[in-house]
N, C-alpha and C. Protein backbone atom coordinates (compact mmCIF):
# COMPACT_ATOMS: atom_id res chain seq x y z
N UNK A 1 50.16 105.16 168.77
CA UNK A 1 51.07 105.18 169.19
C UNK A 1 51.23 104.82 170.27
N UNK A 2 51.82 103.78 171.14
CA UNK A 2 52.13 103.81 172.86
C UNK A 2 53.58 102.93 172.75
N UNK A 3 53.71 104.06 174.05
CA UNK A 3 55.65 103.67 174.83
C UNK A 3 55.42 102.58 175.65
N UNK A 4 56.50 102.34 176.05
CA UNK A 4 56.76 101.45 177.20
C UNK A 4 58.28 101.47 177.36
N UNK A 5 58.96 101.91 178.66
CA UNK A 5 59.98 101.91 178.80
C UNK A 5 60.39 100.56 179.82
N UNK A 6 61.92 99.82 179.04
CA UNK A 6 62.33 98.77 179.82
C UNK A 6 63.55 98.83 179.86
N UNK A 7 64.27 97.90 180.03
CA UNK A 7 66.24 97.97 180.80
C UNK A 7 66.28 97.35 179.22
N UNK A 8 67.19 98.04 178.29
CA UNK A 8 68.32 97.24 177.65
C UNK A 8 68.45 96.06 177.79
N UNK A 9 68.39 95.39 178.79
CA UNK A 9 68.65 93.74 178.80
C UNK A 9 67.56 93.46 178.59
N UNK A 10 66.44 93.56 179.31
CA UNK A 10 65.00 93.17 179.06
C UNK A 10 64.64 92.90 178.06
N UNK A 11 64.95 94.12 177.00
CA UNK A 11 64.09 94.29 175.67
C UNK A 11 65.32 92.92 175.11
N UNK A 12 66.80 92.77 175.32
CA UNK A 12 67.52 91.80 174.94
C UNK A 12 67.24 90.55 174.82
N UNK A 13 66.45 90.15 175.91
CA UNK A 13 66.08 88.66 176.60
C UNK A 13 64.81 89.00 175.56
N UNK A 14 64.02 89.61 175.11
CA UNK A 14 62.93 89.57 175.04
C UNK A 14 63.43 88.94 173.42
N UNK A 15 64.03 89.60 172.50
CA UNK A 15 64.40 89.28 171.64
C UNK A 15 64.83 87.77 171.21
N UNK A 16 65.69 87.41 172.49
CA UNK A 16 65.89 85.75 172.36
C UNK A 16 64.64 84.96 172.57
N UNK A 17 63.39 85.18 173.73
CA UNK A 17 62.70 84.74 173.66
C UNK A 17 61.50 84.36 172.83
N UNK A 18 61.31 85.53 172.03
CA UNK A 18 60.43 86.13 170.99
C UNK A 18 59.18 86.62 171.28
N UNK A 19 59.22 87.10 172.64
CA UNK A 19 57.89 87.73 173.00
C UNK A 19 58.48 88.96 174.40
N UNK A 20 57.92 90.00 174.52
CA UNK A 20 58.05 90.83 176.00
C UNK A 20 57.17 90.32 176.94
N UNK A 21 57.78 90.23 177.99
CA UNK A 21 56.85 90.45 179.30
C UNK A 21 57.53 91.52 180.22
N UNK A 22 56.87 92.17 181.07
CA UNK A 22 57.29 92.74 181.81
C UNK A 22 57.12 92.03 183.41
N UNK A 23 57.98 92.68 184.50
CA UNK A 23 57.21 91.79 185.80
C UNK A 23 55.88 92.47 186.20
N UNK A 24 55.58 93.92 185.61
CA UNK A 24 54.25 93.86 185.75
C UNK A 24 52.87 92.95 185.30
N UNK A 25 53.56 91.98 184.36
CA UNK A 25 52.31 91.08 183.77
C UNK A 25 52.09 89.94 184.53
N UNK A 26 52.78 89.68 185.41
CA UNK A 26 52.97 88.68 186.22
C UNK A 26 52.03 89.08 187.61
N UNK A 27 52.65 90.24 188.03
CA UNK A 27 52.12 90.86 189.31
C UNK A 27 50.72 91.56 189.41
N UNK A 28 50.80 92.15 188.03
CA UNK A 28 49.26 93.33 188.06
C UNK A 28 48.35 92.54 186.90
N UNK A 29 48.66 92.27 186.48
CA UNK A 29 48.10 91.37 185.03
C UNK A 29 48.11 92.20 183.91
N UNK A 30 48.95 93.10 183.69
CA UNK A 30 49.31 93.94 182.35
C UNK A 30 50.60 94.53 182.37
N UNK A 31 50.70 95.18 181.27
CA UNK A 31 52.08 95.58 180.79
C UNK A 31 52.04 97.30 180.99
N UNK A 32 52.36 98.04 181.50
CA UNK A 32 52.02 99.48 181.60
C UNK A 32 53.03 100.12 180.26
N UNK A 33 52.19 100.96 180.06
CA UNK A 33 52.41 101.54 178.64
C UNK A 33 51.92 103.39 178.74
N UNK A 34 52.48 104.07 178.09
CA UNK A 34 51.94 105.55 177.88
C UNK A 34 51.93 106.21 176.68
N UNK A 35 51.90 107.40 176.67
CA UNK A 35 50.99 108.18 175.20
C UNK A 35 52.79 108.87 175.79
N UNK A 36 52.78 109.38 174.27
CA UNK A 36 53.97 110.27 174.68
C UNK A 36 53.69 111.59 175.02
N UNK A 37 52.77 111.95 175.45
CA UNK A 37 52.36 113.14 176.12
C UNK A 37 52.59 112.95 177.80
N UNK A 38 52.29 111.42 178.23
CA UNK A 38 52.65 111.23 179.42
C UNK A 38 53.91 110.44 179.88
N UNK A 39 54.80 110.61 179.13
CA UNK A 39 55.89 109.72 178.86
C UNK A 39 57.09 110.79 180.18
N UNK A 40 56.79 111.74 180.27
CA UNK A 40 58.19 112.40 181.04
C UNK A 40 57.16 112.22 182.73
N UNK A 41 56.25 112.61 182.91
CA UNK A 41 55.33 111.90 183.56
C UNK A 41 55.42 110.70 184.73
N UNK A 42 55.56 109.63 183.47
CA UNK A 42 56.09 108.14 184.09
C UNK A 42 57.49 108.51 184.49
N UNK A 43 58.91 108.84 183.69
CA UNK A 43 60.03 108.77 183.80
C UNK A 43 60.64 109.74 185.13
N UNK A 44 59.47 110.79 185.65
CA UNK A 44 60.15 111.29 186.84
C UNK A 44 59.48 110.91 188.09
N UNK A 45 58.29 109.86 187.51
CA UNK A 45 57.63 109.34 188.86
C UNK A 45 58.77 108.46 189.11
N UNK A 46 58.97 106.82 188.01
CA UNK A 46 59.59 105.40 188.63
C UNK A 46 60.87 105.61 187.99
N UNK A 47 61.44 106.20 187.28
CA UNK A 47 62.71 106.13 186.20
C UNK A 47 63.68 106.63 186.77
N UNK A 48 63.91 107.77 187.69
CA UNK A 48 64.36 108.90 187.71
C UNK A 48 65.76 108.30 188.33
N UNK A 49 67.07 108.44 188.13
CA UNK A 49 68.03 107.79 188.23
C UNK A 49 68.37 107.11 187.75
N UNK A 50 67.48 106.43 186.86
CA UNK A 50 68.09 105.15 186.42
C UNK A 50 68.86 104.85 184.51
N UNK A 51 69.40 104.13 184.70
CA UNK A 51 70.17 104.21 182.84
C UNK A 51 70.31 103.14 182.59
N UNK A 52 70.68 102.93 181.55
CA UNK A 52 70.39 101.62 180.60
C UNK A 52 69.04 101.29 180.03
N UNK A 53 68.36 102.19 180.05
CA UNK A 53 66.94 101.99 179.13
C UNK A 53 66.79 102.37 177.78
N UNK A 54 65.62 101.57 177.60
CA UNK A 54 65.16 102.34 176.14
C UNK A 54 63.24 101.94 176.56
N UNK A 55 63.40 102.65 175.13
CA UNK A 55 61.97 103.47 174.81
C UNK A 55 61.38 102.42 173.86
N UNK A 56 60.45 101.11 173.98
CA UNK A 56 59.55 100.93 173.04
C UNK A 56 58.73 101.30 172.47
N UNK A 57 58.45 102.15 171.06
CA UNK A 57 57.57 102.80 170.20
C UNK A 57 56.67 101.60 169.71
N UNK A 58 55.56 101.53 169.71
CA UNK A 58 54.48 100.73 169.54
C UNK A 58 53.08 100.67 169.14
N UNK A 59 53.52 100.27 167.73
CA UNK A 59 52.11 100.22 166.55
C UNK A 59 50.92 99.27 167.56
N UNK A 60 49.95 100.01 167.70
CA UNK A 60 48.75 100.05 169.10
C UNK A 60 48.36 98.52 168.00
N UNK A 61 47.96 98.85 166.59
CA UNK A 61 47.18 98.39 165.67
C UNK A 61 47.96 96.85 165.23
N UNK A 62 49.08 96.19 165.56
CA UNK A 62 49.50 95.26 165.57
C UNK A 62 49.74 94.32 166.89
N UNK A 63 49.57 94.77 167.99
CA UNK A 63 49.44 93.94 169.26
C UNK A 63 48.52 92.75 168.97
N UNK A 64 49.21 91.88 169.65
CA UNK A 64 48.08 90.58 169.72
C UNK A 64 47.27 90.69 170.69
N UNK A 65 48.07 90.69 172.05
CA UNK A 65 47.32 91.14 173.39
C UNK A 65 46.06 91.97 173.00
N UNK A 66 44.98 92.37 174.24
CA UNK A 66 44.30 93.21 174.47
C UNK A 66 44.93 94.40 175.29
N UNK A 67 44.41 95.61 173.86
CA UNK A 67 44.84 96.84 174.87
C UNK A 67 43.98 97.72 175.42
N UNK A 68 43.72 98.05 176.56
CA UNK A 68 42.69 98.71 177.47
C UNK A 68 43.41 99.95 178.19
N UNK A 69 42.35 100.88 178.17
CA UNK A 69 42.82 102.38 178.73
C UNK A 69 42.01 102.60 179.76
N UNK A 70 43.01 102.52 180.93
CA UNK A 70 42.31 102.77 182.02
C UNK A 70 42.65 103.73 183.18
N UNK A 71 41.84 103.95 183.92
CA UNK A 71 42.17 105.13 184.62
C UNK A 71 42.57 104.85 186.04
N UNK A 72 43.73 105.66 186.07
CA UNK A 72 44.65 105.50 187.52
C UNK A 72 44.08 106.50 188.43
N UNK A 73 44.80 106.81 189.57
CA UNK A 73 43.61 107.49 190.92
C UNK A 73 43.80 109.07 190.97
N UNK A 74 44.53 109.05 189.35
CA UNK A 74 44.38 110.92 188.97
C UNK A 74 43.03 111.14 188.23
N UNK A 75 42.35 109.98 187.52
CA UNK A 75 41.45 109.99 186.40
C UNK A 75 42.08 109.84 185.20
N UNK A 76 43.47 110.54 185.07
CA UNK A 76 43.77 109.99 183.83
C UNK A 76 43.88 108.62 183.28
N UNK A 77 43.81 108.45 181.67
CA UNK A 77 43.53 107.13 181.38
C UNK A 77 45.07 106.66 180.87
N UNK A 78 45.82 105.63 181.22
CA UNK A 78 47.29 105.13 180.83
C UNK A 78 46.85 103.77 180.05
N UNK A 79 47.38 103.67 179.11
CA UNK A 79 47.26 102.03 178.59
C UNK A 79 47.89 101.02 179.08
N UNK A 80 47.47 100.28 179.30
CA UNK A 80 47.85 98.87 179.29
C UNK A 80 47.43 97.39 178.92
N UNK A 81 48.72 96.86 178.69
CA UNK A 81 48.77 95.71 177.79
C UNK A 81 48.07 94.24 178.42
N UNK A 82 46.95 93.45 178.01
CA UNK A 82 46.89 92.47 179.05
C UNK A 82 47.22 91.01 178.21
N UNK A 83 48.46 91.28 177.96
CA UNK A 83 49.34 89.93 177.80
C UNK A 83 50.51 90.35 177.09
N UNK A 84 51.23 89.20 176.97
CA UNK A 84 52.58 89.65 176.03
C UNK A 84 52.71 90.67 175.01
N UNK A 85 53.80 91.52 174.92
CA UNK A 85 54.40 92.30 173.57
C UNK A 85 54.46 91.37 172.47
N UNK A 86 54.18 91.49 171.49
CA UNK A 86 54.45 90.65 170.52
C UNK A 86 55.68 91.84 169.89
N UNK A 87 57.17 91.02 169.63
CA UNK A 87 57.85 91.81 169.36
C UNK A 87 57.51 92.75 167.55
N UNK A 88 57.03 92.18 166.48
CA UNK A 88 56.44 92.66 165.53
C UNK A 88 55.59 94.04 165.56
N UNK A 89 55.00 94.01 166.67
CA UNK A 89 54.32 95.53 167.30
C UNK A 89 55.25 96.78 167.54
N UNK A 90 56.39 96.27 167.70
CA UNK A 90 57.57 97.47 168.30
C UNK A 90 58.03 98.30 166.70
N UNK A 91 57.88 98.71 166.32
CA UNK A 91 58.50 99.83 165.49
C UNK A 91 59.44 100.32 165.42
N UNK A 92 60.03 100.76 166.56
CA UNK A 92 61.62 101.37 167.30
C UNK A 92 61.91 101.42 168.58
N UNK A 93 62.86 100.79 168.79
CA UNK A 93 63.19 100.95 169.59
C UNK A 93 64.64 102.11 169.85
N UNK A 94 64.48 102.91 170.93
CA UNK A 94 65.10 104.15 171.46
C UNK A 94 65.97 104.16 172.85
N UNK A 95 67.14 104.37 172.37
CA UNK A 95 68.24 104.89 173.57
C UNK A 95 67.23 105.56 174.38
N UNK A 96 67.25 105.16 175.63
CA UNK A 96 66.78 106.13 176.74
C UNK A 96 67.13 106.62 178.14
N UNK A 97 68.20 107.08 177.92
CA UNK A 97 69.05 108.46 179.05
C UNK A 97 68.68 109.83 179.11
N UNK A 98 68.88 109.54 180.89
CA UNK A 98 68.61 110.49 181.25
C UNK A 98 69.71 112.06 180.52
N UNK A 99 69.81 113.10 180.99
CA UNK A 99 70.47 114.23 180.89
C UNK A 99 71.76 114.30 182.07
N UNK A 100 72.67 115.20 181.56
CA UNK A 100 73.38 115.36 182.63
C UNK A 100 72.32 115.49 184.20
N UNK A 101 71.96 115.97 183.73
CA UNK A 101 70.97 116.81 184.96
C UNK A 101 70.18 115.65 185.88
N UNK A 102 70.50 114.52 184.97
CA UNK A 102 69.40 113.53 185.86
C UNK A 102 68.19 113.58 185.43
N UNK A 103 67.87 114.15 184.50
CA UNK A 103 65.92 114.08 184.00
C UNK A 103 66.32 113.73 182.59
N UNK A 104 65.20 113.05 182.31
CA UNK A 104 64.82 112.78 180.83
C UNK A 104 64.05 113.54 180.18
N UNK A 105 64.46 113.61 178.83
CA UNK A 105 63.71 114.83 177.66
C UNK A 105 63.18 113.59 176.84
N UNK A 106 61.71 114.36 176.28
CA UNK A 106 60.81 113.62 175.33
C UNK A 106 61.96 113.42 174.11
N UNK A 107 62.33 112.37 173.65
CA UNK A 107 63.07 111.76 172.02
C UNK A 107 62.72 112.65 170.99
N UNK A 108 63.16 112.74 170.14
CA UNK A 108 62.91 114.01 168.97
C UNK A 108 62.22 112.67 168.06
N UNK A 109 62.29 111.29 168.06
CA UNK A 109 62.13 110.35 167.21
C UNK A 109 60.13 109.83 167.96
N UNK A 110 59.41 110.66 169.28
CA UNK A 110 58.33 109.92 169.28
C UNK A 110 57.68 111.45 169.76
N UNK A 111 58.03 112.61 169.29
CA UNK A 111 57.21 114.18 169.59
C UNK A 111 56.35 114.01 168.58
N UNK A 112 55.41 114.32 169.10
CA UNK A 112 54.05 115.17 168.24
C UNK A 112 53.95 116.05 167.88
């Protein structure tokens, strides 16, 4: 299982067009994903203070585009999807809002 954070409106748009394409697919060539263990680091670094988010729980066995684990500057491997995300690979969409303190918590639905 891998995860991807997006806005609720982007997810709704994906459902209208039949696939999900993050801006990073055009600018970097892939869609950023993470494991449950990496999720809170990602949210603190890139999504602090944002609302209106959803978390896409993705079954990597259902992906049509190539999934690759690439090392970032720290040496840690992150999952990158090199193509559009086919909607049938998304097995769950989880509302993902920060708490009253502004911090995100790992949703019960994805805890390992």
